[in-house]
Amino acid sequence: MDIPLIQIDAFADEPFTGNPAAVMPLQHWLDDQLLQRLAEENNLSETAFLVRRNPQEAAPGEPAYDLRWFTPALEVALCGHATLASAAYLLDDVHPGAARVHFHTLSGRLTVERAGEQRLAMDFPADRLEQITVDEHVASALGVPVLEMYQAMDLVCVVEEPALVANLAPDQTALVQLPQRGVVVTAATAGREDWPGTDFVSRWFGAGAGVGEDPVTGSAHTQLMPYWAPRLGRDRLRARQLSARGGTLECELHGDRVRLVGGYRRYLEGVAHVPA
């Protein structure tokens, strides 16, 4: 059995930046164990698998797909960069005349639409943050003072200075013990001359999900926007994720939804040969 494999850098404005995702379109769903092994073999932070829905279930000219995401270790409920990569493949190769594509996922229906040349806008649900007491064990694992801590899809840790985010070298052995999917560390940069053109920065660590550090994490920004938008007094913010590859996201908060805009660059196309 041969399965197409397309690798696309999401939230990237030039080659070798952003977050690589594998996109594997299927004719029908395969066994979950096989999907997990394919994601493990791809060895990227996420592999997206998609199967087209009956065209009658979508609006005319707006295709709809079922979409699932797997890290090398497990299936996740939401992934931003692999959604962007999946939409890039579909709108470039399969539905070049469509303005948008709809995905049915574990996080509900997600819509991705064109937003310029090699740029896409994603409509995601905003996460709810619950403030908790700062866990000093987590702060110790991160190696930085944590001002505030919130529980959402991930553990959100707010620090004072963007330099603390940029220079993080966390204890991954300690982080893998946490029950959360991952830990996102963030700081404000709005109005600072040393961080022009950005409003906040972050990094995301997901040892428990089999991802030491994710280069650019769209789903983290569904948690960060409900935090930063009211504090910075604006519903439109520009975010930068400070991994080694790096990536930029244009973020908008609309009630209980977050709109994420980013670029993409295709890296490779191939075929995976899988035993029947």
C-alpha atoms as a PDB file:
ATOM      1  CA  MET A   1       0.000   0.000   0.000  1.00  0.00           C
ATOM      2  CA  ASP A   2       1.389   3.383  -1.033  1.00  0.00           C
ATOM      3  CA  ILE A   3       0.445   6.577   0.845  1.00  0.00           C
ATOM      4  CA  PRO A   4       1.376  10.068  -0.375  1.00  0.00           C
ATOM      5  CA  LEU A   5       3.621  11.979   1.992  1.00  0.00           C
ATOM      6  CA  ILE A   6       3.949  15.764   1.748  1.00  0.00           C
ATOM      7  CA  GLN A   7       6.134  17.704   4.171  1.00  0.00           C
ATOM      8  CA  ILE A   8       5.344  21.393   4.600  1.00  0.00           C
ATOM      9  CA  ASP A   9       6.916  24.021   6.854  1.00  0.00           C
ATOM     10  CA  ALA A  10       4.032  25.813   8.580  1.00  0.00           C
ATOM     11  CA  PHE A  11       4.229  29.328  10.034  1.00  0.00           C
ATOM     12  CA  ALA A  12       7.224  29.813   7.753  1.00  0.00           C
ATOM     13  CA  ASP A  13       8.040  32.778   5.527  1.00  0.00           C
ATOM     14  CA  GLU A  14      11.204  31.255   4.082  1.00  0.00           C
ATOM     15  CA  PRO A  15      12.674  27.752   3.749  1.00  0.00           C
ATOM     16  CA  PHE A  16      14.020  25.979   6.845  1.00  0.00           C
ATOM     17  CA  THR A  17      11.906  28.026   9.253  1.00  0.00           C
ATOM     18  CA  GLY A  18       8.579  27.380  10.928  1.00  0.00           C
ATOM     19  CA  ASN A  19       7.370  23.940  11.947  1.00  0.00           C
ATOM     20  CA  PRO A  20       7.632  20.918   9.609  1.00  0.00           C
ATOM     21  CA  ALA A  21       4.527  18.752   9.403  1.00  0.00           C
ATOM     22  CA  ALA A  22       3.887  15.565   7.461  1.00  0.00           C
ATOM     23  CA  VAL A  23       0.577  15.381   5.593  1.00  0.00           C
ATOM     24  CA  MET A  24      -0.682  11.918   4.599  1.00  0.00           C
ATOM     25  CA  PRO A  25      -3.997  11.859   2.679  1.00  0.00           C
ATOM     26  CA  LEU A  26      -5.850   8.538   2.938  1.00  0.00           C
ATOM     27  CA  GLN A  27      -8.628   6.927   0.947  1.00  0.00           C
ATOM     28  CA  HIS A  28     -10.117   5.589   4.182  1.00  0.00           C
ATOM     29  CA  TRP A  29      -9.097   5.334   7.811  1.00  0.00           C
ATOM     30  CA  LEU A  30      -6.439   2.814   8.711  1.00  0.00           C
ATOM     31  CA  ASP A  31      -5.893   1.057  12.013  1.00  0.00           C
ATOM     32  CA  ASP A  32      -4.901   3.487  14.783  1.00  0.00           C
ATOM     33  CA  GLN A  33      -1.794   1.474  15.586  1.00  0.00           C
ATOM     34  CA  LEU A  34      -0.605   1.830  11.999  1.00  0.00           C
ATOM     35  CA  LEU A  35      -1.273   5.578  12.039  1.00  0.00           C
ATOM     36  CA  GLN A  36       0.807   5.863  15.197  1.00  0.00           C
ATOM     37  CA  ARG A  37       3.653   3.879  13.679  1.00  0.00           C
ATOM     38  CA  LEU A  38       3.615   6.067  10.580  1.00  0.00           C
ATOM     39  CA  ALA A  39       3.861   9.173  12.764  1.00  0.00           C
ATOM     40  CA  GLU A  40       6.704   7.597  14.712  1.00  0.00           C
ATOM     41  CA  GLU A  41       8.504   6.767  11.467  1.00  0.00           C
ATOM     42  CA  ASN A  42       8.054  10.305  10.145  1.00  0.00           C
ATOM     43  CA  ASN A  43       9.607  11.536  13.409  1.00  0.00           C
ATOM     44  CA  LEU A  44       8.204  15.065  13.135  1.00  0.00           C
ATOM     45  CA  SER A  45       6.318  16.795  15.922  1.00  0.00           C
ATOM     46  CA  GLU A  46       3.060  16.080  14.064  1.00  0.00           C
ATOM     47  CA  THR A  47       1.775  13.938  11.217  1.00  0.00           C
ATOM     48  CA  ALA A  48      -1.662  14.862   9.863  1.00  0.00           C
ATOM     49  CA  PHE A  49      -3.926  12.182   8.390  1.00  0.00           C
ATOM     50  CA  LEU A  50      -6.989  13.216   6.421  1.00  0.00           C
ATOM     51  CA  VAL A  51      -9.897  11.537   4.664  1.00  0.00           C
ATOM     52  CA  ARG A  52     -12.361  13.415   2.461  1.00  0.00           C
ATOM     53  CA  ARG A  53     -15.965  13.621   3.575  1.00  0.00           C
ATOM     54  CA  ASN A  54     -18.950  13.231   1.280  1.00  0.00           C
ATOM     55  CA  PRO A  55     -18.988  16.418  -0.851  1.00  0.00           C
ATOM     56  CA  GLN A  56     -22.708  16.788  -0.073  1.00  0.00           C
ATOM     57  CA  GLU A  57     -21.773  17.495   3.583  1.00  0.00           C
ATOM     58  CA  ALA A  58     -19.940  20.700   2.634  1.00  0.00           C
ATOM     59  CA  ALA A  59     -20.960  23.967   1.028  1.00  0.00           C
ATOM     60  CA  PRO A  60     -20.538  24.112  -2.767  1.00  0.00           C
ATOM     61  CA  GLY A  61     -16.886  24.663  -3.619  1.00  0.00           C
ATOM     62  CA  GLU A  62     -15.818  24.266   0.017  1.00  0.00           C
ATOM     63  CA  PRO A  63     -14.407  20.776   0.527  1.00  0.00           C
ATOM     64  CA  ALA A  64     -14.579  19.036   3.913  1.00  0.00           C
ATOM     65  CA  TYR A  65     -12.238  16.463   5.433  1.00  0.00           C
ATOM     66  CA  ASP A  66     -11.863  14.455   8.598  1.00  0.00           C
ATOM     67  CA  LEU A  67      -8.493  15.298  10.140  1.00  0.00           C
ATOM     68  CA  ARG A  68      -6.434  13.641  12.876  1.00  0.00           C
ATOM     69  CA  TRP A  69      -3.015  14.518  14.296  1.00  0.00           C
ATOM     70  CA  PHE A  70      -0.363  12.232  15.769  1.00  0.00           C
ATOM     71  CA  THR A  71       2.931  13.029  17.455  1.00  0.00           C
ATOM     72  CA  PRO A  72       5.568  10.267  17.442  1.00  0.00           C
ATOM     73  CA  ALA A  73       4.075   9.137  20.770  1.00  0.00           C
ATOM     74  CA  LEU A  74       0.303   9.757  20.743  1.00  0.00           C
ATOM     75  CA  GLU A  75      -2.773  11.278  19.099  1.00  0.00           C
ATOM     76  CA  VAL A  76      -3.582  14.871  20.108  1.00  0.00           C
ATOM     77  CA  ALA A  77      -6.856  16.769  20.190  1.00  0.00           C
ATOM     78  CA  LEU A  78      -5.632  19.917  18.432  1.00  0.00           C
ATOM     79  CA  CYS A  79      -2.653  20.904  16.300  1.00  0.00           C
ATOM     80  CA  GLY A  80      -2.217  24.202  14.519  1.00  0.00           C
ATOM     81  CA  HIS A  81       0.779  23.795  12.266  1.00  0.00           C
ATOM     82  CA  ALA A  82      -0.290  20.403  10.879  1.00  0.00           C
ATOM     83  CA  THR A  83      -3.740  21.852  10.143  1.00  0.00           C
ATOM     84  CA  LEU A  84      -2.142  24.712   8.240  1.00  0.00           C
ATOM     85  CA  ALA A  85       0.055  22.233   6.354  1.00  0.00           C
ATOM     86  CA  SER A  86      -2.951  20.043   5.496  1.00  0.00           C
ATOM     87  CA  ALA A  87      -4.884  23.026   4.175  1.00  0.00           C
ATOM     88  CA  ALA A  88      -1.865  24.186   2.163  1.00  0.00           C
ATOM     89  CA  TYR A  89      -1.647  20.816   0.442  1.00  0.00           C
ATOM     90  CA  LEU A  90      -5.379  20.633  -0.246  1.00  0.00           C
ATOM     91  CA  LEU A  91      -5.801  24.205  -1.512  1.00  0.00           C
ATOM     92  CA  ASP A  92      -2.655  24.079  -3.658  1.00  0.00           C
ATOM     93  CA  ASP A  93      -2.931  20.567  -5.091  1.00  0.00           C
ATOM     94  CA  VAL A  94      -6.417  19.115  -4.711  1.00  0.00           C
ATOM     95  CA  HIS A  95      -8.824  22.084  -4.657  1.00  0.00           C
ATOM     96  CA  PRO A  96      -6.989  24.995  -6.313  1.00  0.00           C
ATOM     97  CA  GLY A  97     -10.282  26.766  -7.035  1.00  0.00           C
ATOM     98  CA  ALA A  98     -11.540  26.676  -3.449  1.00  0.00           C
ATOM     99  CA  ALA A  99     -11.269  29.647  -1.108  1.00  0.00           C
ATOM    100  CA  ARG A 100     -11.364  27.564   2.065  1.00  0.00           C
ATOM    101  CA  VAL A 101     -11.450  24.037   3.423  1.00  0.00           C
ATOM    102  CA  HIS A 102     -13.289  22.626   6.448  1.00  0.00           C
ATOM    103  CA  PHE A 103     -11.898  20.012   8.832  1.00  0.00           C
ATOM    104  CA  HIS A 104     -13.850  17.834  11.254  1.00  0.00           C
ATOM    105  CA  THR A 105     -11.631  17.027  14.227  1.00  0.00           C
ATOM    106  CA  LEU A 106     -11.548  16.056  17.890  1.00  0.00           C
ATOM    107  CA  SER A 107     -11.743  19.804  18.600  1.00  0.00           C
ATOM    108  CA  GLY A 108     -14.799  20.329  16.437  1.00  0.00           C
ATOM    109  CA  ARG A 109     -15.038  21.936  13.031  1.00  0.00           C
ATOM    110  CA  LEU A 110     -12.054  24.020  11.939  1.00  0.00           C
ATOM    111  CA  THR A 111     -11.992  26.242   8.870  1.00  0.00           C
ATOM    112  CA  VAL A 112      -8.888  27.372   6.986  1.00  0.00           C
ATOM    113  CA  GLU A 113      -9.015  29.994   4.237  1.00  0.00           C
ATOM    114  CA  ARG A 114      -6.612  31.733   1.915  1.00  0.00           C
ATOM    115  CA  ALA A 115      -5.010  34.905   3.289  1.00  0.00           C
ATOM    116  CA  GLY A 116      -2.557  35.857   0.547  1.00  0.00           C
ATOM    117  CA  GLU A 117       0.281  34.262  -1.372  1.00  0.00           C
ATOM    118  CA  GLN A 118       1.344  31.147   0.539  1.00  0.00           C
ATOM    119  CA  ARG A 119      -0.527  32.386   3.603  1.00  0.00           C
ATOM    120  CA  LEU A 120      -3.526  30.871   5.330  1.00  0.00           C
ATOM    121  CA  ALA A 121      -5.887  31.895   8.135  1.00  0.00           C
ATOM    122  CA  MET A 122      -7.198  29.292  10.585  1.00  0.00           C
ATOM    123  CA  ASP A 123     -10.299  29.589  12.766  1.00  0.00           C
ATOM    124  CA  PHE A 124      -9.793  27.715  16.057  1.00  0.00           C
ATOM    125  CA  PRO A 125     -11.622  27.526  19.395  1.00  0.00           C
ATOM    126  CA  ALA A 126     -10.109  29.689  22.142  1.00  0.00           C
ATOM    127  CA  ASP A 127      -9.014  27.767  25.206  1.00  0.00           C
ATOM    128  CA  ARG A 128     -10.104  28.548  28.751  1.00  0.00           C
ATOM    129  CA  LEU A 129      -7.386  29.357  31.267  1.00  0.00           C
ATOM    130  CA  GLU A 130      -7.682  28.606  34.963  1.00  0.00           C
ATOM    131  CA  GLN A 131      -5.120  30.325  37.158  1.00  0.00           C
ATOM    132  CA  ILE A 132      -3.389  28.001  39.604  1.00  0.00           C
ATOM    133  CA  THR A 133      -0.732  28.397  42.270  1.00  0.00           C
ATOM    134  CA  VAL A 134       2.744  28.477  40.778  1.00  0.00           C
ATOM    135  CA  ASP A 135       4.184  24.974  41.024  1.00  0.00           C
ATOM    136  CA  GLU A 136       7.744  25.433  42.193  1.00  0.00           C
ATOM    137  CA  HIS A 137       8.698  21.991  40.859  1.00  0.00           C
ATOM    138  CA  VAL A 138       7.703  23.136  37.357  1.00  0.00           C
ATOM    139  CA  ALA A 139       9.502  26.461  37.815  1.00  0.00           C
ATOM    140  CA  SER A 140      12.595  24.562  38.947  1.00  0.00           C
ATOM    141  CA  ALA A 141      12.394  22.294  35.877  1.00  0.00           C
ATOM    142  CA  LEU A 142      12.162  25.370  33.649  1.00  0.00           C
ATOM    143  CA  GLY A 143      15.011  27.053  35.505  1.00  0.00           C
ATOM    144  CA  VAL A 144      13.351  30.498  35.551  1.00  0.00           C
ATOM    145  CA  PRO A 145      11.121  32.449  37.975  1.00  0.00           C
ATOM    146  CA  VAL A 146       7.457  31.997  37.003  1.00  0.00           C
ATOM    147  CA  LEU A 147       5.169  34.949  37.778  1.00  0.00           C
ATOM    148  CA  GLU A 148       1.842  33.292  36.985  1.00  0.00           C
ATOM    149  CA  MET A 149       0.721  29.797  36.038  1.00  0.00           C
ATOM    150  CA  TYR A 150      -2.458  28.703  34.274  1.00  0.00           C
ATOM    151  CA  GLN A 151      -4.026  25.364  33.467  1.00  0.00           C
ATOM    152  CA  ALA A 152      -5.501  24.926  29.977  1.00  0.00           C
ATOM    153  CA  MET A 153      -4.750  22.368  27.286  1.00  0.00           C
ATOM    154  CA  ASP A 154      -1.160  22.925  28.387  1.00  0.00           C
ATOM    155  CA  LEU A 155       0.442  24.441  31.441  1.00  0.00           C
ATOM    156  CA  VAL A 156       0.908  28.154  30.672  1.00  0.00           C
ATOM    157  CA  CYS A 157       3.779  29.832  32.528  1.00  0.00           C
ATOM    158  CA  VAL A 158       4.208  33.618  32.404  1.00  0.00           C
ATOM    159  CA  VAL A 159       7.669  35.086  33.008  1.00  0.00           C
ATOM    160  CA  GLU A 160       8.826  38.672  33.263  1.00  0.00           C
ATOM    161  CA  GLU A 161      11.401  39.025  30.502  1.00  0.00           C
ATOM    162  CA  PRO A 162      11.440  37.763  26.894  1.00  0.00           C
ATOM    163  CA  ALA A 163      15.144  36.991  27.341  1.00  0.00           C
ATOM    164  CA  LEU A 164      14.159  34.370  29.906  1.00  0.00           C
ATOM    165  CA  VAL A 165      12.013  32.702  27.252  1.00  0.00           C
ATOM    166  CA  ALA A 166      14.735  32.904  24.615  1.00  0.00           C
ATOM    167  CA  ASN A 167      17.386  31.362  26.889  1.00  0.00           C
ATOM    168  CA  LEU A 168      15.319  28.539  28.404  1.00  0.00           C
ATOM    169  CA  ALA A 169      17.080  25.193  28.835  1.00  0.00           C
ATOM    170  CA  PRO A 170      14.509  23.134  30.768  1.00  0.00           C
ATOM    171  CA  ASP A 171      14.979  19.798  32.455  1.00  0.00           C
ATOM    172  CA  GLN A 172      13.113  17.565  30.008  1.00  0.00           C
ATOM    173  CA  THR A 173      13.314  14.578  32.351  1.00  0.00           C
ATOM    174  CA  ALA A 174      11.291  16.526  34.900  1.00  0.00           C
ATOM    175  CA  LEU A 175       8.815  17.885  32.349  1.00  0.00           C
ATOM    176  CA  VAL A 176       7.987  14.424  30.997  1.00  0.00           C
ATOM    177  CA  GLN A 177       6.499  13.554  34.397  1.00  0.00           C
ATOM    178  CA  LEU A 178       3.811  16.251  34.130  1.00  0.00           C
ATOM    179  CA  PRO A 179       0.211  15.196  33.348  1.00  0.00           C
ATOM    180  CA  GLN A 180      -0.303  18.024  30.844  1.00  0.00           C
ATOM    181  CA  ARG A 181       0.273  17.683  27.105  1.00  0.00           C
ATOM    182  CA  GLY A 182       2.984  20.335  27.280  1.00  0.00           C
ATOM    183  CA  VAL A 183       4.296  23.497  28.905  1.00  0.00           C
ATOM    184  CA  VAL A 184       4.235  26.888  27.200  1.00  0.00           C
ATOM    185  CA  VAL A 185       6.394  29.717  28.561  1.00  0.00           C
ATOM    186  CA  THR A 186       5.578  33.277  27.503  1.00  0.00           C
ATOM    187  CA  ALA A 187       6.452  36.936  28.065  1.00  0.00           C
ATOM    188  CA  ALA A 188       5.239  40.274  26.695  1.00  0.00           C
ATOM    189  CA  THR A 189       7.306  42.251  24.173  1.00  0.00           C
ATOM    190  CA  ALA A 190       4.785  44.933  23.140  1.00  0.00           C
ATOM    191  CA  GLY A 191       6.278  48.413  23.002  1.00  0.00           C
ATOM    192  CA  ARG A 192       9.855  47.272  23.562  1.00  0.00           C
ATOM    193  CA  GLU A 193      12.497  48.653  21.208  1.00  0.00           C
ATOM    194  CA  ASP A 194      14.594  45.494  21.582  1.00  0.00           C
ATOM    195  CA  TRP A 195      11.697  43.342  20.290  1.00  0.00           C
ATOM    196  CA  PRO A 196      10.232  45.350  17.400  1.00  0.00           C
ATOM    197  CA  GLY A 197       7.187  44.082  15.574  1.00  0.00           C
ATOM    198  CA  THR A 198       6.077  41.578  18.222  1.00  0.00           C
ATOM    199  CA  ASP A 199       3.606  41.719  21.102  1.00  0.00           C
ATOM    200  CA  PHE A 200       4.513  38.521  22.934  1.00  0.00           C
ATOM    201  CA  VAL A 201       6.888  35.585  22.602  1.00  0.00           C
ATOM    202  CA  SER A 202       6.753  31.966  23.681  1.00  0.00           C
ATOM    203  CA  ARG A 203       8.317  28.532  23.583  1.00  0.00           C
ATOM    204  CA  TRP A 204       6.547  25.186  23.919  1.00  0.00           C
ATOM    205  CA  PHE A 205       7.880  21.964  25.433  1.00  0.00           C
ATOM    206  CA  GLY A 206       5.975  18.698  25.098  1.00  0.00           C
ATOM    207  CA  ALA A 207       8.114  15.916  26.498  1.00  0.00           C
ATOM    208  CA  GLY A 208       5.005  14.052  27.605  1.00  0.00           C
ATOM    209  CA  ALA A 209       3.722  14.073  24.012  1.00  0.00           C
ATOM    210  CA  GLY A 210       7.000  12.824  22.605  1.00  0.00           C
ATOM    211  CA  VAL A 211       8.106  16.297  21.443  1.00  0.00           C
ATOM    212  CA  GLY A 212      11.008  17.853  23.337  1.00  0.00           C
ATOM    213  CA  GLU A 213      10.455  21.324  21.889  1.00  0.00           C
ATOM    214  CA  ASP A 214       7.973  22.171  19.164  1.00  0.00           C
ATOM    215  CA  PRO A 215       9.321  24.773  16.688  1.00  0.00           C
ATOM    216  CA  VAL A 216       6.024  26.693  16.288  1.00  0.00           C
ATOM    217  CA  THR A 217       2.831  25.663  18.073  1.00  0.00           C
ATOM    218  CA  GLY A 218      -0.445  26.992  16.709  1.00  0.00           C
ATOM    219  CA  SER A 219      -2.574  25.370  19.426  1.00  0.00           C
ATOM    220  CA  ALA A 220      -0.505  27.100  22.125  1.00  0.00           C
ATOM    221  CA  HIS A 221      -1.722  30.430  20.770  1.00  0.00           C
ATOM    222  CA  THR A 222      -5.352  29.439  21.323  1.00  0.00           C
ATOM    223  CA  GLN A 223      -4.331  29.593  24.995  1.00  0.00           C
ATOM    224  CA  LEU A 224      -2.001  32.590  24.799  1.00  0.00           C
ATOM    225  CA  MET A 225      -4.401  34.941  23.003  1.00  0.00           C
ATOM    226  CA  PRO A 226      -7.113  34.773  25.705  1.00  0.00           C
ATOM    227  CA  TYR A 227      -4.353  35.671  28.179  1.00  0.00           C
ATOM    228  CA  TRP A 228      -2.511  38.451  26.326  1.00  0.00           C
ATOM    229  CA  ALA A 229      -5.337  40.194  24.453  1.00  0.00           C
ATOM    230  CA  PRO A 230      -7.045  41.664  27.548  1.00  0.00           C
ATOM    231  CA  ARG A 231      -3.731  42.497  29.205  1.00  0.00           C
ATOM    232  CA  LEU A 232      -2.328  44.302  26.177  1.00  0.00           C
ATOM    233  CA  GLY A 233      -5.674  45.903  25.339  1.00  0.00           C
ATOM    234  CA  ARG A 234      -5.884  44.670  21.743  1.00  0.00           C
ATOM    235  CA  ASP A 235      -7.595  41.755  20.008  1.00  0.00           C
ATOM    236  CA  ARG A 236      -5.008  41.630  17.204  1.00  0.00           C
ATOM    237  CA  LEU A 237      -1.479  40.691  18.241  1.00  0.00           C
ATOM    238  CA  ARG A 238       1.721  39.518  16.576  1.00  0.00           C
ATOM    239  CA  ALA A 239       3.444  36.583  18.201  1.00  0.00           C
ATOM    240  CA  ARG A 240       6.873  35.056  17.766  1.00  0.00           C
ATOM    241  CA  GLN A 241       7.850  31.573  18.895  1.00  0.00           C
ATOM    242  CA  LEU A 242      11.514  31.550  19.847  1.00  0.00           C
ATOM    243  CA  SER A 243      12.610  28.037  18.924  1.00  0.00           C
ATOM    244  CA  ALA A 244      15.784  27.513  16.931  1.00  0.00           C
ATOM    245  CA  ARG A 245      13.750  27.527  13.690  1.00  0.00           C
ATOM    246  CA  GLY A 246      11.366  30.241  14.824  1.00  0.00           C
ATOM    247  CA  GLY A 247       8.031  31.320  13.448  1.00  0.00           C
ATOM    248  CA  THR A 248       5.624  34.254  13.424  1.00  0.00           C
ATOM    249  CA  LEU A 249       1.844  34.207  13.864  1.00  0.00           C
ATOM    250  CA  GLU A 250      -0.701  36.949  13.336  1.00  0.00           C
ATOM    251  CA  CYS A 251      -3.350  36.332  16.002  1.00  0.00           C
ATOM    252  CA  GLU A 252      -6.868  37.683  16.457  1.00  0.00           C
ATOM    253  CA  LEU A 253      -9.276  37.006  19.305  1.00  0.00           C
ATOM    254  CA  HIS A 254     -12.979  36.963  18.394  1.00  0.00           C
ATOM    255  CA  GLY A 255     -14.978  35.980  21.472  1.00  0.00           C
ATOM    256  CA  ASP A 256     -14.510  32.261  21.928  1.00  0.00           C
ATOM    257  CA  ARG A 257     -12.547  31.850  18.673  1.00  0.00           C
ATOM    258  CA  VAL A 258      -8.940  32.576  17.721  1.00  0.00           C
ATOM    259  CA  ARG A 259      -7.846  33.369  14.169  1.00  0.00           C
ATOM    260  CA  LEU A 260      -4.244  32.426  13.381  1.00  0.00           C
ATOM    261  CA  VAL A 261      -2.555  33.589  10.171  1.00  0.00           C
ATOM    262  CA  GLY A 262       0.762  32.240   8.954  1.00  0.00           C
ATOM    263  CA  GLY A 263       2.813  31.430   5.896  1.00  0.00           C
ATOM    264  CA  TYR A 264       3.987  28.072   4.600  1.00  0.00           C
ATOM    265  CA  ARG A 265       6.687  26.586   2.402  1.00  0.00           C
ATOM    266  CA  ARG A 266       6.603  23.141   0.836  1.00  0.00           C
ATOM    267  CA  TYR A 267       9.702  21.055   1.467  1.00  0.00           C
ATOM    268  CA  LEU A 268       9.205  17.619  -0.107  1.00  0.00           C
ATOM    269  CA  GLU A 269       6.785  15.192  -1.719  1.00  0.00           C
ATOM    270  CA  GLY A 270       7.081  11.431  -1.710  1.00  0.00           C
ATOM    271  CA  VAL A 271       5.352   8.102  -1.185  1.00  0.00           C
ATOM    272  CA  ALA A 272       5.391   5.914   1.911  1.00  0.00           C
ATOM    273  CA  HIS A 273       5.451   2.196   1.121  1.00  0.00           C
ATOM    274  CA  VAL A 274       3.423   0.446   3.810  1.00  0.00           C
ATOM    275  CA  PRO A 275       2.732  -3.306   4.061  1.00  0.00           C
ATOM    276  CA  ALA A 276      -0.889  -4.052   3.243  1.00  0.00           C
END
